[in-house]
Amino acid sequence: MVPIFIIFILIIMFLGNKVTKELNIWQKLGLVIVHASVLFLAVMLTHYIAITVFGFITIGWIKMVVKFMLIVIIVWIVLRSLRYLSLKISAGKFP
């Protein structure tokens, strides 16, 4: 559930990004897949380090931190897209 959600967020990020505007849809999809796999590996590595090095940290605590990080990412994307929309509206380019 969570990896699918992360991939959906990445698709939204890359489709509306100014930097990736010149790329076609397959290049954007490749970027999404690469970033999703890097994020997945980073989360797995964090779990592994937290469990092995800091054995006293419970799985529930890790889940809480991951949920908090997802909430922060979602809020950041929403604020960024609202800023993008407001810039479009103020420029008169919004249909």
N, C-alpha and C. Protein backbone atom coordinates (compact mmCIF):
# COMPACT_ATOMS: atom_id res chain seq x y z
N MET A 1 0.83 -1.20 0.00
CA MET A 1 0.00 0.00 0.00
C MET A 1 0.87 1.25 0.00
N VAL A 2 1.82 1.32 0.91
CA VAL A 2 2.66 2.51 1.03
C VAL A 2 3.55 2.71 -0.19
N PRO A 3 4.22 1.66 -0.73
CA PRO A 3 5.04 1.90 -1.93
C PRO A 3 4.22 2.39 -3.13
N ILE A 4 2.99 1.89 -3.29
CA ILE A 4 2.13 2.36 -4.38
C ILE A 4 1.81 3.83 -4.16
N PHE A 5 1.56 4.22 -2.92
CA PHE A 5 1.25 5.60 -2.58
C PHE A 5 2.45 6.50 -2.88
N ILE A 6 3.66 6.03 -2.54
CA ILE A 6 4.88 6.81 -2.81
C ILE A 6 5.07 6.97 -4.31
N ILE A 7 4.83 5.92 -5.09
CA ILE A 7 4.98 6.01 -6.55
C ILE A 7 3.96 7.00 -7.11
N PHE A 8 2.73 7.00 -6.58
CA PHE A 8 1.71 7.95 -7.03
C PHE A 8 2.15 9.38 -6.75
N ILE A 9 2.70 9.64 -5.56
CA ILE A 9 3.20 10.97 -5.22
C ILE A 9 4.33 11.38 -6.16
N LEU A 10 5.24 10.45 -6.45
CA LEU A 10 6.35 10.77 -7.35
C LEU A 10 5.86 11.08 -8.76
N ILE A 11 4.84 10.35 -9.22
CA ILE A 11 4.29 10.63 -10.55
C ILE A 11 3.73 12.04 -10.59
N ILE A 12 2.99 12.43 -9.56
CA ILE A 12 2.45 13.78 -9.52
C ILE A 12 3.58 14.81 -9.49
N MET A 13 4.62 14.54 -8.69
CA MET A 13 5.73 15.48 -8.60
C MET A 13 6.41 15.67 -9.95
N PHE A 14 6.70 14.58 -10.65
CA PHE A 14 7.47 14.68 -11.88
C PHE A 14 6.64 15.17 -13.06
N LEU A 15 5.33 14.94 -13.03
CA LEU A 15 4.52 15.43 -14.15
C LEU A 15 4.35 16.94 -14.08
N GLY A 16 4.37 17.51 -12.88
CA GLY A 16 4.18 18.95 -12.75
C GLY A 16 5.47 19.72 -12.57
N ASN A 17 6.59 19.06 -12.67
CA ASN A 17 7.87 19.71 -12.40
C ASN A 17 8.34 20.48 -13.62
N LYS A 18 8.90 21.67 -13.38
CA LYS A 18 9.40 22.50 -14.48
C LYS A 18 10.65 21.87 -15.12
N VAL A 19 11.45 21.21 -14.32
CA VAL A 19 12.70 20.64 -14.83
C VAL A 19 12.41 19.49 -15.79
N THR A 20 11.40 18.70 -15.49
CA THR A 20 11.11 17.53 -16.31
C THR A 20 10.11 17.81 -17.42
N LYS A 21 9.79 19.09 -17.66
CA LYS A 21 8.82 19.41 -18.70
C LYS A 21 9.30 18.99 -20.09
N GLU A 22 10.61 19.03 -20.33
CA GLU A 22 11.13 18.70 -21.65
C GLU A 22 11.18 17.19 -21.89
N LEU A 23 11.06 16.39 -20.84
CA LEU A 23 11.14 14.93 -20.99
C LEU A 23 9.80 14.37 -21.48
N ASN A 24 9.89 13.26 -22.21
CA ASN A 24 8.64 12.61 -22.60
C ASN A 24 8.13 11.73 -21.46
N ILE A 25 6.97 11.11 -21.68
CA ILE A 25 6.31 10.37 -20.59
C ILE A 25 7.12 9.15 -20.15
N TRP A 26 7.85 8.52 -21.06
CA TRP A 26 8.62 7.33 -20.69
C TRP A 26 9.83 7.71 -19.83
N GLN A 27 10.44 8.86 -20.14
CA GLN A 27 11.56 9.32 -19.32
C GLN A 27 11.07 9.71 -17.93
N LYS A 28 9.89 10.34 -17.87
CA LYS A 28 9.32 10.69 -16.56
C LYS A 28 9.00 9.43 -15.77
N LEU A 29 8.45 8.43 -16.45
CA LEU A 29 8.13 7.17 -15.77
C LEU A 29 9.40 6.49 -15.26
N GLY A 30 10.48 6.56 -16.06
CA GLY A 30 11.75 6.01 -15.61
C GLY A 30 12.27 6.72 -14.39
N LEU A 31 12.15 8.05 -14.37
CA LEU A 31 12.56 8.82 -13.19
C LEU A 31 11.75 8.41 -11.96
N VAL A 32 10.44 8.22 -12.15
CA VAL A 32 9.59 7.81 -11.04
C VAL A 32 10.02 6.46 -10.50
N ILE A 33 10.30 5.51 -11.40
CA ILE A 33 10.70 4.17 -10.96
C ILE A 33 12.03 4.22 -10.22
N VAL A 34 12.99 4.98 -10.75
CA VAL A 34 14.29 5.09 -10.09
C VAL A 34 14.15 5.73 -8.71
N HIS A 35 13.42 6.82 -8.63
CA HIS A 35 13.28 7.49 -7.33
C HIS A 35 12.50 6.63 -6.33
N ALA A 36 11.48 5.92 -6.81
CA ALA A 36 10.72 5.05 -5.91
C ALA A 36 11.59 3.93 -5.37
N SER A 37 12.44 3.35 -6.23
CA SER A 37 13.30 2.27 -5.76
C SER A 37 14.36 2.80 -4.79
N VAL A 38 14.87 3.99 -5.05
CA VAL A 38 15.85 4.58 -4.12
C VAL A 38 15.19 4.87 -2.77
N LEU A 39 13.96 5.42 -2.80
CA LEU A 39 13.25 5.67 -1.55
C LEU A 39 12.99 4.37 -0.79
N PHE A 40 12.58 3.33 -1.52
CA PHE A 40 12.30 2.04 -0.90
C PHE A 40 13.57 1.47 -0.25
N LEU A 41 14.70 1.55 -0.97
CA LEU A 41 15.97 1.06 -0.42
C LEU A 41 16.39 1.88 0.80
N ALA A 42 16.15 3.20 0.75
CA ALA A 42 16.51 4.05 1.89
C ALA A 42 15.68 3.68 3.12
N VAL A 43 14.39 3.43 2.92
CA VAL A 43 13.54 3.05 4.05
C VAL A 43 13.97 1.70 4.60
N MET A 44 14.26 0.73 3.72
CA MET A 44 14.69 -0.58 4.18
C MET A 44 16.03 -0.50 4.92
N LEU A 45 16.96 0.30 4.40
CA LEU A 45 18.25 0.48 5.06
C LEU A 45 18.09 1.12 6.42
N THR A 46 17.20 2.11 6.49
CA THR A 46 16.94 2.76 7.78
C THR A 46 16.38 1.76 8.78
N HIS A 47 15.44 0.94 8.34
CA HIS A 47 14.89 -0.09 9.23
C HIS A 47 15.99 -1.04 9.70
N TYR A 48 16.82 -1.48 8.77
CA TYR A 48 17.89 -2.43 9.12
C TYR A 48 18.86 -1.82 10.13
N ILE A 49 19.28 -0.59 9.89
CA ILE A 49 20.21 0.07 10.81
C ILE A 49 19.56 0.27 12.18
N ALA A 50 18.30 0.70 12.18
CA ALA A 50 17.62 0.96 13.44
C ALA A 50 17.43 -0.32 14.24
N ILE A 51 17.16 -1.42 13.56
CA ILE A 51 16.92 -2.67 14.29
C ILE A 51 18.24 -3.27 14.77
N THR A 52 19.29 -3.22 13.94
CA THR A 52 20.54 -3.88 14.33
C THR A 52 21.37 -3.03 15.28
N VAL A 53 21.56 -1.77 14.94
CA VAL A 53 22.41 -0.91 15.77
C VAL A 53 21.69 -0.47 17.03
N PHE A 54 20.48 0.05 16.86
CA PHE A 54 19.70 0.50 18.01
C PHE A 54 18.62 -0.54 18.28
N GLY A 55 19.00 -1.63 18.91
CA GLY A 55 18.07 -2.73 19.11
C GLY A 55 16.91 -2.40 20.02
N PHE A 56 17.05 -1.34 20.82
CA PHE A 56 15.98 -1.01 21.76
C PHE A 56 14.80 -0.31 21.09
N ILE A 57 15.00 0.18 19.84
CA ILE A 57 13.91 0.87 19.15
C ILE A 57 12.93 -0.17 18.62
N THR A 58 11.68 0.04 18.90
CA THR A 58 10.67 -0.93 18.48
C THR A 58 10.19 -0.64 17.06
N ILE A 59 9.54 -1.63 16.48
CA ILE A 59 9.01 -1.49 15.12
C ILE A 59 7.91 -0.41 15.09
N GLY A 60 7.11 -0.32 16.13
CA GLY A 60 6.06 0.69 16.20
C GLY A 60 6.62 2.10 16.12
N TRP A 61 7.75 2.32 16.76
CA TRP A 61 8.38 3.64 16.71
C TRP A 61 8.83 3.97 15.29
N ILE A 62 9.39 2.97 14.59
CA ILE A 62 9.84 3.17 13.21
C ILE A 62 8.64 3.48 12.31
N LYS A 63 7.55 2.75 12.51
CA LYS A 63 6.35 3.00 11.71
C LYS A 63 5.83 4.41 11.95
N MET A 64 5.89 4.87 13.21
CA MET A 64 5.44 6.22 13.52
C MET A 64 6.30 7.26 12.79
N VAL A 65 7.61 7.04 12.77
CA VAL A 65 8.51 7.98 12.09
C VAL A 65 8.24 7.98 10.59
N VAL A 66 8.04 6.80 10.00
CA VAL A 66 7.77 6.71 8.56
C VAL A 66 6.45 7.41 8.22
N LYS A 67 5.42 7.21 9.05
CA LYS A 67 4.15 7.88 8.81
C LYS A 67 4.31 9.39 8.91
N PHE A 68 5.08 9.86 9.88
CA PHE A 68 5.32 11.29 10.01
C PHE A 68 6.04 11.84 8.78
N MET A 69 7.03 11.08 8.28
CA MET A 69 7.75 11.52 7.08
C MET A 69 6.80 11.58 5.88
N LEU A 70 5.91 10.61 5.74
CA LEU A 70 4.95 10.62 4.64
C LEU A 70 4.01 11.82 4.74
N ILE A 71 3.57 12.13 5.97
CA ILE A 71 2.69 13.29 6.16
C ILE A 71 3.42 14.57 5.77
N VAL A 72 4.68 14.69 6.16
CA VAL A 72 5.47 15.88 5.81
C VAL A 72 5.62 15.99 4.29
N ILE A 73 5.89 14.86 3.62
CA ILE A 73 6.04 14.87 2.16
C ILE A 73 4.73 15.27 1.49
N ILE A 74 3.61 14.74 1.97
CA ILE A 74 2.31 15.06 1.38
C ILE A 74 2.00 16.55 1.55
N VAL A 75 2.23 17.08 2.75
CA VAL A 75 1.97 18.50 3.00
C VAL A 75 2.86 19.36 2.11
N TRP A 76 4.12 18.97 1.96
CA TRP A 76 5.04 19.72 1.12
C TRP A 76 4.57 19.73 -0.33
N ILE A 77 4.10 18.58 -0.84
CA ILE A 77 3.63 18.49 -2.22
C ILE A 77 2.37 19.33 -2.41
N VAL A 78 1.46 19.26 -1.44
CA VAL A 78 0.22 20.05 -1.55
C VAL A 78 0.54 21.53 -1.57
N LEU A 79 1.42 21.98 -0.67
CA LEU A 79 1.78 23.40 -0.64
C LEU A 79 2.47 23.82 -1.92
N ARG A 80 3.32 22.96 -2.43
CA ARG A 80 4.03 23.27 -3.68
C ARG A 80 3.07 23.36 -4.86
N SER A 81 2.11 22.43 -4.93
CA SER A 81 1.16 22.47 -6.03
C SER A 81 0.23 23.67 -5.91
N LEU A 82 -0.14 24.05 -4.68
CA LEU A 82 -0.95 25.26 -4.50
C LEU A 82 -0.18 26.50 -4.94
N ARG A 83 1.10 26.53 -4.63
CA ARG A 83 1.93 27.65 -5.06
C ARG A 83 2.01 27.69 -6.58
N TYR A 84 2.18 26.53 -7.20
CA TYR A 84 2.24 26.44 -8.65
C TYR A 84 0.93 26.92 -9.28
N LEU A 85 -0.20 26.48 -8.70
CA LEU A 85 -1.49 26.90 -9.22
C LEU A 85 -1.70 28.40 -9.05
N SER A 86 -1.29 28.95 -7.91
CA SER A 86 -1.47 30.38 -7.71
C SER A 86 -0.60 31.19 -8.67
N LEU A 87 0.60 30.69 -8.97
CA LEU A 87 1.44 31.37 -9.96
C LEU A 87 0.79 31.32 -11.34
N LYS A 88 0.19 30.17 -11.70
CA LYS A 88 -0.49 30.03 -12.98
C LYS A 88 -1.68 30.99 -13.07
N ILE A 89 -2.45 31.07 -11.98
CA ILE A 89 -3.63 31.93 -11.98
C ILE A 89 -3.22 33.40 -12.07
N SER A 90 -2.19 33.78 -11.32
CA SER A 90 -1.76 35.18 -11.34
C SER A 90 -1.16 35.56 -12.70
N ALA A 91 -0.58 34.58 -13.40
CA ALA A 91 -0.04 34.87 -14.73
C ALA A 91 -1.13 34.84 -15.80
N GLY A 92 -2.32 34.42 -15.44
CA GLY A 92 -3.42 34.37 -16.40
C GLY A 92 -3.36 33.19 -17.34
N LYS A 93 -2.61 32.15 -17.00
CA LYS A 93 -2.46 30.99 -17.88
C LYS A 93 -3.38 29.84 -17.48
N PHE A 94 -4.12 30.02 -16.41
CA PHE A 94 -5.01 28.95 -15.97
C PHE A 94 -6.30 29.01 -16.78
N PRO A 95 -6.76 27.88 -17.32
CA PRO A 95 -7.95 27.93 -18.19
C PRO A 95 -9.22 28.31 -17.43
